[in-house]
Amino acid sequence: ADMNVYAARSAQRVRLGMAPGNSTTVFTVPPGLVSG
């Protein structure tokens, strides 16, 4: 199955993208989501 991938922090959830089945995908986490 293809997967929608999200990063979540507190009550905030950000869609990173879609990861197709049987594959490897790299997503960038938005800089505003990671501080320290």
PDB file of all heavy atoms in Angstrom:
ATOM      1  N   ALA A   1       0.825  -1.213   0.000  1.00  0.00           N
ATOM      2  CA  ALA A   1       0.000   0.000   0.000  1.00  0.00           C
ATOM      3  C   ALA A   1       0.858   1.263   0.000  1.00  0.00           C
ATOM      4  O   ALA A   1       1.877   1.341   0.678  1.00  0.00           O
ATOM      5  CB  ALA A   1      -0.917   0.014   1.216  1.00  0.00           C
ATOM      6  N   ASP A   2       0.414   2.270  -0.768  1.00  0.00           N
ATOM      7  CA  ASP A   2       1.033   3.587  -0.709  1.00  0.00           C
ATOM      8  C   ASP A   2       0.639   4.226   0.623  1.00  0.00           C
ATOM      9  O   ASP A   2      -0.463   3.989   1.127  1.00  0.00           O
ATOM     10  CB  ASP A   2       0.540   4.467  -1.858  1.00  0.00           C
ATOM     11  CG  ASP A   2       0.936   3.924  -3.227  1.00  0.00           C
ATOM     12  OD1 ASP A   2       1.879   3.100  -3.301  1.00  0.00           O
ATOM     13  OD2 ASP A   2       0.307   4.321  -4.217  1.00  0.00           O
ATOM     14  N   MET A   3       1.538   5.039   1.183  1.00  0.00           N
ATOM     15  CA  MET A   3       1.297   5.641   2.494  1.00  0.00           C
ATOM     16  C   MET A   3       1.471   7.153   2.435  1.00  0.00           C
ATOM     17  O   MET A   3       2.437   7.645   1.848  1.00  0.00           O
ATOM     18  CB  MET A   3       2.307   5.115   3.526  1.00  0.00           C
ATOM     19  CG  MET A   3       2.266   3.642   3.748  1.00  0.00           C
ATOM     20  SD  MET A   3       0.974   3.249   4.913  1.00  0.00           S
ATOM     21  CE  MET A   3       1.337   1.530   5.218  1.00  0.00           C
ATOM     22  N   ASN A   4       0.541   7.872   3.046  1.00  0.00           N
ATOM     23  CA  ASN A   4       0.741   9.293   3.305  1.00  0.00           C
ATOM     24  C   ASN A   4       1.535   9.376   4.596  1.00  0.00           C
ATOM     25  O   ASN A   4       1.190   8.722   5.584  1.00  0.00           O
ATOM     26  CB  ASN A   4      -0.589  10.033   3.457  1.00  0.00           C
ATOM     27  CG  ASN A   4      -1.236  10.311   2.126  1.00  0.00           C
ATOM     28  OD1 ASN A   4      -0.559  10.675   1.169  1.00  0.00           O
ATOM     29  ND2 ASN A   4      -2.543  10.131   2.054  1.00  0.00           N
ATOM     30  N   VAL A   5       2.606  10.168   4.593  1.00  0.00           N
ATOM     31  CA  VAL A   5       3.482  10.266   5.750  1.00  0.00           C
ATOM     32  C   VAL A   5       3.365  11.662   6.348  1.00  0.00           C
ATOM     33  O   VAL A   5       3.401  12.666   5.625  1.00  0.00           O
ATOM     34  CB  VAL A   5       4.946   9.964   5.353  1.00  0.00           C
ATOM     35  CG1 VAL A   5       5.874  10.104   6.541  1.00  0.00           C
ATOM     36  CG2 VAL A   5       5.049   8.573   4.745  1.00  0.00           C
ATOM     37  N   TYR A   6       3.221  11.710   7.682  1.00  0.00           N
ATOM     38  CA  TYR A   6       3.070  12.957   8.415  1.00  0.00           C
ATOM     39  C   TYR A   6       4.098  13.015   9.533  1.00  0.00           C
ATOM     40  O   TYR A   6       4.492  11.980  10.076  1.00  0.00           O
ATOM     41  CB  TYR A   6       1.673  13.051   9.054  1.00  0.00           C
ATOM     42  CG  TYR A   6       0.531  12.968   8.082  1.00  0.00           C
ATOM     43  CD1 TYR A   6       0.005  11.736   7.708  1.00  0.00           C
ATOM     44  CD2 TYR A   6      -0.027  14.120   7.542  1.00  0.00           C
ATOM     45  CE1 TYR A   6      -1.045  11.655   6.810  1.00  0.00           C
ATOM     46  CE2 TYR A   6      -1.088  14.038   6.644  1.00  0.00           C
ATOM     47  CZ  TYR A   6      -1.590  12.803   6.287  1.00  0.00           C
ATOM     48  OH  TYR A   6      -2.629  12.725   5.395  1.00  0.00           O
ATOM     49  N   ALA A   7       4.487  14.238   9.904  1.00  0.00           N
ATOM     50  CA  ALA A   7       5.268  14.479  11.115  1.00  0.00           C
ATOM     51  C   ALA A   7       4.342  15.242  12.057  1.00  0.00           C
ATOM     52  O   ALA A   7       3.625  16.157  11.625  1.00  0.00           O
ATOM     53  CB  ALA A   7       6.513  15.291  10.814  1.00  0.00           C
ATOM     54  N   ALA A   8       4.334  14.863  13.330  1.00  0.00           N
ATOM     55  CA  ALA A   8       3.433  15.496  14.286  1.00  0.00           C
ATOM     56  C   ALA A   8       4.195  15.967  15.512  1.00  0.00           C
ATOM     57  O   ALA A   8       5.060  15.262  16.031  1.00  0.00           O
ATOM     58  CB  ALA A   8       2.339  14.518  14.700  1.00  0.00           C
ATOM     59  N   ARG A   9       3.860  17.177  15.934  1.00  0.00           N
ATOM     60  CA  ARG A   9       4.455  17.769  17.139  1.00  0.00           C
ATOM     61  C   ARG A   9       3.338  18.462  17.894  1.00  0.00           C
ATOM     62  O   ARG A   9       2.665  19.337  17.351  1.00  0.00           O
ATOM     63  CB  ARG A   9       5.520  18.769  16.734  1.00  0.00           C
ATOM     64  CG  ARG A   9       6.155  19.490  17.876  1.00  0.00           C
ATOM     65  CD  ARG A   9       7.229  20.411  17.355  1.00  0.00           C
ATOM     66  NE  ARG A   9       7.024  21.719  17.938  1.00  0.00           N
ATOM     67  CZ  ARG A   9       7.768  22.758  17.673  1.00  0.00           C
ATOM     68  NH1 ARG A   9       8.736  22.656  16.794  1.00  0.00           N
ATOM     69  NH2 ARG A   9       7.552  23.886  18.252  1.00  0.00           N
ATOM     70  N   SER A  10       3.125  18.074  19.129  1.00  0.00           N
ATOM     71  CA  SER A  10       2.023  18.593  19.942  1.00  0.00           C
ATOM     72  C   SER A  10       0.722  18.390  19.173  1.00  0.00           C
ATOM     73  O   SER A  10       0.412  17.292  18.783  1.00  0.00           O
ATOM     74  CB  SER A  10       2.242  20.061  20.296  1.00  0.00           C
ATOM     75  OG  SER A  10       3.448  20.211  20.987  1.00  0.00           O
ATOM     76  N   ALA A  11      -0.010  19.461  18.912  1.00  0.00           N
ATOM     77  CA  ALA A  11      -1.282  19.336  18.188  1.00  0.00           C
ATOM     78  C   ALA A  11      -1.107  19.614  16.695  1.00  0.00           C
ATOM     79  O   ALA A  11      -2.067  19.600  15.941  1.00  0.00           O
ATOM     80  CB  ALA A  11      -2.297  20.303  18.776  1.00  0.00           C
ATOM     81  N   GLN A  12       0.119  19.837  16.256  1.00  0.00           N
ATOM     82  CA  GLN A  12       0.396  20.169  14.859  1.00  0.00           C
ATOM     83  C   GLN A  12       0.781  18.916  14.084  1.00  0.00           C
ATOM     84  O   GLN A  12       1.633  18.151  14.506  1.00  0.00           O
ATOM     85  CB  GLN A  12       1.544  21.185  14.802  1.00  0.00           C
ATOM     86  CG  GLN A  12       1.875  21.677  13.429  1.00  0.00           C
ATOM     87  CD  GLN A  12       3.027  22.682  13.463  1.00  0.00           C
ATOM     88  OE1 GLN A  12       3.749  22.788  14.437  1.00  0.00           O
ATOM     89  NE2 GLN A  12       3.189  23.405  12.378  1.00  0.00           N
ATOM     90  N   ARG A  13       0.143  18.709  12.919  1.00  0.00           N
ATOM     91  CA  ARG A  13       0.449  17.574  12.052  1.00  0.00           C
ATOM     92  C   ARG A  13       0.705  18.107  10.648  1.00  0.00           C
ATOM     93  O   ARG A  13      -0.130  18.823  10.099  1.00  0.00           O
ATOM     94  CB  ARG A  13      -0.722  16.593  12.049  1.00  0.00           C
ATOM     95  CG  ARG A  13      -0.465  15.358  11.231  1.00  0.00           C
ATOM     96  CD  ARG A  13      -1.554  14.356  11.463  1.00  0.00           C
ATOM     97  NE  ARG A  13      -2.438  14.325  10.312  1.00  0.00           N
ATOM     98  CZ  ARG A  13      -3.201  13.297   9.986  1.00  0.00           C
ATOM     99  NH1 ARG A  13      -3.225  12.232  10.757  1.00  0.00           N
ATOM    100  NH2 ARG A  13      -3.963  13.338   8.927  1.00  0.00           N
ATOM    101  N   VAL A  14       1.870  17.753  10.088  1.00  0.00           N
ATOM    102  CA  VAL A  14       2.262  18.264   8.779  1.00  0.00           C
ATOM    103  C   VAL A  14       2.475  17.093   7.836  1.00  0.00           C
ATOM    104  O   VAL A  14       3.228  16.164   8.149  1.00  0.00           O
ATOM    105  CB  VAL A  14       3.564  19.096   8.890  1.00  0.00           C
ATOM    106  CG1 VAL A  14       4.027  19.558   7.523  1.00  0.00           C
ATOM    107  CG2 VAL A  14       3.367  20.276   9.824  1.00  0.00           C
ATOM    108  N   ARG A  15       1.824  17.138   6.667  1.00  0.00           N
ATOM    109  CA  ARG A  15       2.007  16.087   5.664  1.00  0.00           C
ATOM    110  C   ARG A  15       3.353  16.273   4.992  1.00  0.00           C
ATOM    111  O   ARG A  15       3.667  17.351   4.496  1.00  0.00           O
ATOM    112  CB  ARG A  15       0.889  16.135   4.623  1.00  0.00           C
ATOM    113  CG  ARG A  15       0.978  15.013   3.605  1.00  0.00           C
ATOM    114  CD  ARG A  15      -0.216  15.060   2.640  1.00  0.00           C
ATOM    115  NE  ARG A  15      -0.186  13.937   1.724  1.00  0.00           N
ATOM    116  CZ  ARG A  15       0.434  13.952   0.548  1.00  0.00           C
ATOM    117  NH1 ARG A  15       1.086  15.022   0.144  1.00  0.00           N
ATOM    118  NH2 ARG A  15       0.408  12.881  -0.226  1.00  0.00           N
ATOM    119  N   LEU A  16       4.155  15.216   4.984  1.00  0.00           N
ATOM    120  CA  LEU A  16       5.460  15.254   4.345  1.00  0.00           C
ATOM    121  C   LEU A  16       5.386  14.807   2.896  1.00  0.00           C
ATOM    122  O   LEU A  16       6.155  15.263   2.064  1.00  0.00           O
ATOM    123  CB  LEU A  16       6.451  14.377   5.107  1.00  0.00           C
ATOM    124  CG  LEU A  16       6.654  14.748   6.583  1.00  0.00           C
ATOM    125  CD1 LEU A  16       7.611  13.769   7.243  1.00  0.00           C
ATOM    126  CD2 LEU A  16       7.141  16.176   6.723  1.00  0.00           C
ATOM    127  N   GLY A  17       4.461  13.889   2.594  1.00  0.00           N
ATOM    128  CA  GLY A  17       4.305  13.417   1.228  1.00  0.00           C
ATOM    129  C   GLY A  17       3.798  11.991   1.191  1.00  0.00           C
ATOM    130  O   GLY A  17       3.370  11.436   2.194  1.00  0.00           O
ATOM    131  N   MET A  18       3.858  11.396  -0.015  1.00  0.00           N
ATOM    132  CA  MET A  18       3.367  10.042  -0.220  1.00  0.00           C
ATOM    133  C   MET A  18       4.542   9.109  -0.487  1.00  0.00           C
ATOM    134  O   MET A  18       5.400   9.396  -1.309  1.00  0.00           O
ATOM    135  CB  MET A  18       2.401  10.020  -1.402  1.00  0.00           C
ATOM    136  CG  MET A  18       1.586   8.739  -1.520  1.00  0.00           C
ATOM    137  SD  MET A  18       2.280   7.520  -2.640  1.00  0.00           S
ATOM    138  CE  MET A  18       2.239   8.354  -4.188  1.00  0.00           C
ATOM    139  N   ALA A  19       4.566   8.006   0.262  1.00  0.00           N
ATOM    140  CA  ALA A  19       5.603   6.983   0.096  1.00  0.00           C
ATOM    141  C   ALA A  19       4.976   5.807  -0.652  1.00  0.00           C
ATOM    142  O   ALA A  19       4.143   5.081  -0.096  1.00  0.00           O
ATOM    143  CB  ALA A  19       6.133   6.530   1.448  1.00  0.00           C
ATOM    144  N   PRO A  20       5.354   5.609  -1.919  1.00  0.00           N
ATOM    145  CA  PRO A  20       4.792   4.488  -2.685  1.00  0.00           C
ATOM    146  C   PRO A  20       5.172   3.142  -2.073  1.00  0.00           C
ATOM    147  O   PRO A  20       6.214   3.015  -1.424  1.00  0.00           O
ATOM    148  CB  PRO A  20       5.414   4.638  -4.073  1.00  0.00           C
ATOM    149  CG  PRO A  20       5.994   6.007  -4.120  1.00  0.00           C
ATOM    150  CD  PRO A  20       6.290   6.393  -2.714  1.00  0.00           C
ATOM    151  N   GLY A  21       4.326   2.150  -2.299  1.00  0.00           N
ATOM    152  CA  GLY A  21       4.610   0.805  -1.816  1.00  0.00           C
ATOM    153  C   GLY A  21       5.874   0.239  -2.450  1.00  0.00           C
ATOM    154  O   GLY A  21       6.240   0.602  -3.563  1.00  0.00           O
ATOM    155  N   ASN A  22       6.552  -0.632  -1.715  1.00  0.00           N
ATOM    156  CA  ASN A  22       7.767  -1.306  -2.185  1.00  0.00           C
ATOM    157  C   ASN A  22       8.833  -0.340  -2.682  1.00  0.00           C
ATOM    158  O   ASN A  22       9.443  -0.551  -3.735  1.00  0.00           O
ATOM    159  CB  ASN A  22       7.435  -2.326  -3.288  1.00  0.00           C
ATOM    160  CG  ASN A  22       6.518  -3.402  -2.777  1.00  0.00           C
ATOM    161  OD1 ASN A  22       6.745  -3.953  -1.705  1.00  0.00           O
ATOM    162  ND2 ASN A  22       5.481  -3.691  -3.525  1.00  0.00           N
ATOM    163  N   SER A  23       9.057   0.743  -1.941  1.00  0.00           N
ATOM    164  CA  SER A  23      10.074   1.711  -2.350  1.00  0.00           C
ATOM    165  C   SER A  23      10.603   2.464  -1.132  1.00  0.00           C
ATOM    166  O   SER A  23      10.038   2.388  -0.046  1.00  0.00           O
ATOM    167  CB  SER A  23       9.506   2.699  -3.359  1.00  0.00           C
ATOM    168  OG  SER A  23       8.522   3.495  -2.746  1.00  0.00           O
ATOM    169  N   THR A  24      11.685   3.183  -1.342  1.00  0.00           N
ATOM    170  CA  THR A  24      12.263   4.035  -0.304  1.00  0.00           C
ATOM    171  C   THR A  24      12.155   5.477  -0.773  1.00  0.00           C
ATOM    172  O   THR A  24      12.508   5.798  -1.904  1.00  0.00           O
ATOM    173  CB  THR A  24      13.734   3.666  -0.052  1.00  0.00           C
ATOM    174  OG1 THR A  24      13.792   2.302   0.382  1.00  0.00           O
ATOM    175  CG2 THR A  24      14.352   4.550   1.009  1.00  0.00           C
ATOM    176  N   THR A  25      11.651   6.340   0.105  1.00  0.00           N
ATOM    177  CA  THR A  25      11.432   7.744  -0.211  1.00  0.00           C
ATOM    178  C   THR A  25      12.025   8.592   0.908  1.00  0.00           C
ATOM    179  O   THR A  25      11.918   8.225   2.078  1.00  0.00           O
ATOM    180  CB  THR A  25       9.926   8.045  -0.337  1.00  0.00           C
ATOM    181  OG1 THR A  25       9.324   7.071  -1.193  1.00  0.00           O
ATOM    182  CG2 THR A  25       9.670   9.420  -0.891  1.00  0.00           C
ATOM    183  N   VAL A  26      12.630   9.727   0.559  1.00  0.00           N
ATOM    184  CA  VAL A  26      13.180  10.639   1.558  1.00  0.00           C
ATOM    185  C   VAL A  26      12.403  11.950   1.506  1.00  0.00           C
ATOM    186  O   VAL A  26      12.213  12.529   0.435  1.00  0.00           O
ATOM    187  CB  VAL A  26      14.686  10.901   1.310  1.00  0.00           C
ATOM    188  CG1 VAL A  26      15.232  11.887   2.333  1.00  0.00           C
ATOM    189  CG2 VAL A  26      15.471   9.605   1.343  1.00  0.00           C
ATOM    190  N   PHE A  27      11.946  12.389   2.683  1.00  0.00           N
ATOM    191  CA  PHE A  27      11.197  13.641   2.807  1.00  0.00           C
ATOM    192  C   PHE A  27      11.975  14.589   3.708  1.00  0.00           C
ATOM    193  O   PHE A  27      12.625  14.161   4.656  1.00  0.00           O
ATOM    194  CB  PHE A  27       9.817  13.405   3.447  1.00  0.00           C
ATOM    195  CG  PHE A  27       8.948  12.451   2.693  1.00  0.00           C
ATOM    196  CD1 PHE A  27       8.747  11.172   3.154  1.00  0.00           C
ATOM    197  CD2 PHE A  27       8.331  12.840   1.515  1.00  0.00           C
ATOM    198  CE1 PHE A  27       7.943  10.280   2.471  1.00  0.00           C
ATOM    199  CE2 PHE A  27       7.528  11.944   0.823  1.00  0.00           C
ATOM    200  CZ  PHE A  27       7.330  10.668   1.305  1.00  0.00           C
ATOM    201  N   THR A  28      11.871  15.887   3.420  1.00  0.00           N
ATOM    202  CA  THR A  28      12.448  16.902   4.291  1.00  0.00           C
ATOM    203  C   THR A  28      11.397  17.323   5.304  1.00  0.00           C
ATOM    204  O   THR A  28      10.257  17.622   4.946  1.00  0.00           O
ATOM    205  CB  THR A  28      12.888  18.128   3.469  1.00  0.00           C
ATOM    206  OG1 THR A  28      13.886  17.703   2.539  1.00  0.00           O
ATOM    207  CG2 THR A  28      13.460  19.211   4.357  1.00  0.00           C
ATOM    208  N   VAL A  29      11.786  17.326   6.582  1.00  0.00           N
ATOM    209  CA  VAL A  29      10.895  17.796   7.641  1.00  0.00           C
ATOM    210  C   VAL A  29      10.970  19.325   7.624  1.00  0.00           C
ATOM    211  O   VAL A  29      12.068  19.887   7.620  1.00  0.00           O
ATOM    212  CB  VAL A  29      11.324  17.237   9.014  1.00  0.00           C
ATOM    213  CG1 VAL A  29      10.430  17.778  10.113  1.00  0.00           C
ATOM    214  CG2 VAL A  29      11.303  15.711   9.000  1.00  0.00           C
ATOM    215  N   PRO A  30       9.826  20.019   7.581  1.00  0.00           N
ATOM    216  CA  PRO A  30       9.853  21.482   7.529  1.00  0.00           C
ATOM    217  C   PRO A  30      10.650  22.063   8.699  1.00  0.00           C
ATOM    218  O   PRO A  30      10.481  21.631   9.846  1.00  0.00           O
ATOM    219  CB  PRO A  30       8.377  21.880   7.633  1.00  0.00           C
ATOM    220  CG  PRO A  30       7.624  20.682   7.174  1.00  0.00           C
ATOM    221  CD  PRO A  30       8.454  19.502   7.582  1.00  0.00           C
ATOM    222  N   PRO A  31      11.533  23.038   8.416  1.00  0.00           N
ATOM    223  CA  PRO A  31      12.365  23.619   9.466  1.00  0.00           C
ATOM    224  C   PRO A  31      11.562  24.209  10.627  1.00  0.00           C
ATOM    225  O   PRO A  31      12.015  24.186  11.767  1.00  0.00           O
ATOM    226  CB  PRO A  31      13.148  24.722   8.742  1.00  0.00           C
ATOM    227  CG  PRO A  31      13.080  24.384   7.304  1.00  0.00           C
ATOM    228  CD  PRO A  31      11.815  23.612   7.101  1.00  0.00           C
ATOM    229  N   GLY A  32      10.373  24.708  10.359  1.00  0.00           N
ATOM    230  CA  GLY A  32       9.540  25.274  11.421  1.00  0.00           C
ATOM    231  C   GLY A  32       9.049  24.233  12.415  1.00  0.00           C
ATOM    232  O   GLY A  32       8.595  24.573  13.505  1.00  0.00           O
ATOM    233  N   LEU A  33       9.145  22.978  12.057  1.00  0.00           N
ATOM    234  CA  LEU A  33       8.683  21.895  12.927  1.00  0.00           C
ATOM    235  C   LEU A  33       9.780  21.421  13.885  1.00  0.00           C
ATOM    236  O   LEU A  33       9.497  20.848  14.919  1.00  0.00           O
ATOM    237  CB  LEU A  33       8.205  20.725  12.064  1.00  0.00           C
ATOM    238  CG  LEU A  33       7.208  19.757  12.659  1.00  0.00           C
ATOM    239  CD1 LEU A  33       5.948  20.473  13.113  1.00  0.00           C
ATOM    240  CD2 LEU A  33       6.843  18.695  11.650  1.00  0.00           C
ATOM    241  N   VAL A  34      11.043  21.676  13.517  1.00  0.00           N
ATOM    242  CA  VAL A  34      12.179  21.224  14.321  1.00  0.00           C
ATOM    243  C   VAL A  34      12.995  22.429  14.758  1.00  0.00           C
ATOM    244  O   VAL A  34      13.553  23.131  13.929  1.00  0.00           O
ATOM    245  CB  VAL A  34      13.088  20.260  13.521  1.00  0.00           C
ATOM    246  CG1 VAL A  34      14.246  19.793  14.368  1.00  0.00           C
ATOM    247  CG2 VAL A  34      12.302  19.080  13.000  1.00  0.00           C
ATOM    248  N   SER A  35      13.031  22.660  16.076  1.00  0.00           N
ATOM    249  CA  SER A  35      13.856  23.751  16.612  1.00  0.00           C
ATOM    250  C   SER A  35      14.593  23.201  17.826  1.00  0.00           C
ATOM    251  O   SER A  35      13.987  22.858  18.821  1.00  0.00           O
ATOM    252  CB  SER A  35      13.001  24.960  16.984  1.00  0.00           C
ATOM    253  OG  SER A  35      12.017  24.589  17.917  1.00  0.00           O
ATOM    254  N   GLY A  36      15.897  23.060  17.692  1.00  0.00           N
ATOM    255  CA  GLY A  36      16.668  22.438  18.760  1.00  0.00           C
ATOM    256  C   GLY A  36      16.270  20.977  18.870  1.00  0.00           C
ATOM    257  O   GLY A  36      15.921  20.332  17.891  1.00  0.00           O
TER     258      GLY A  36
END
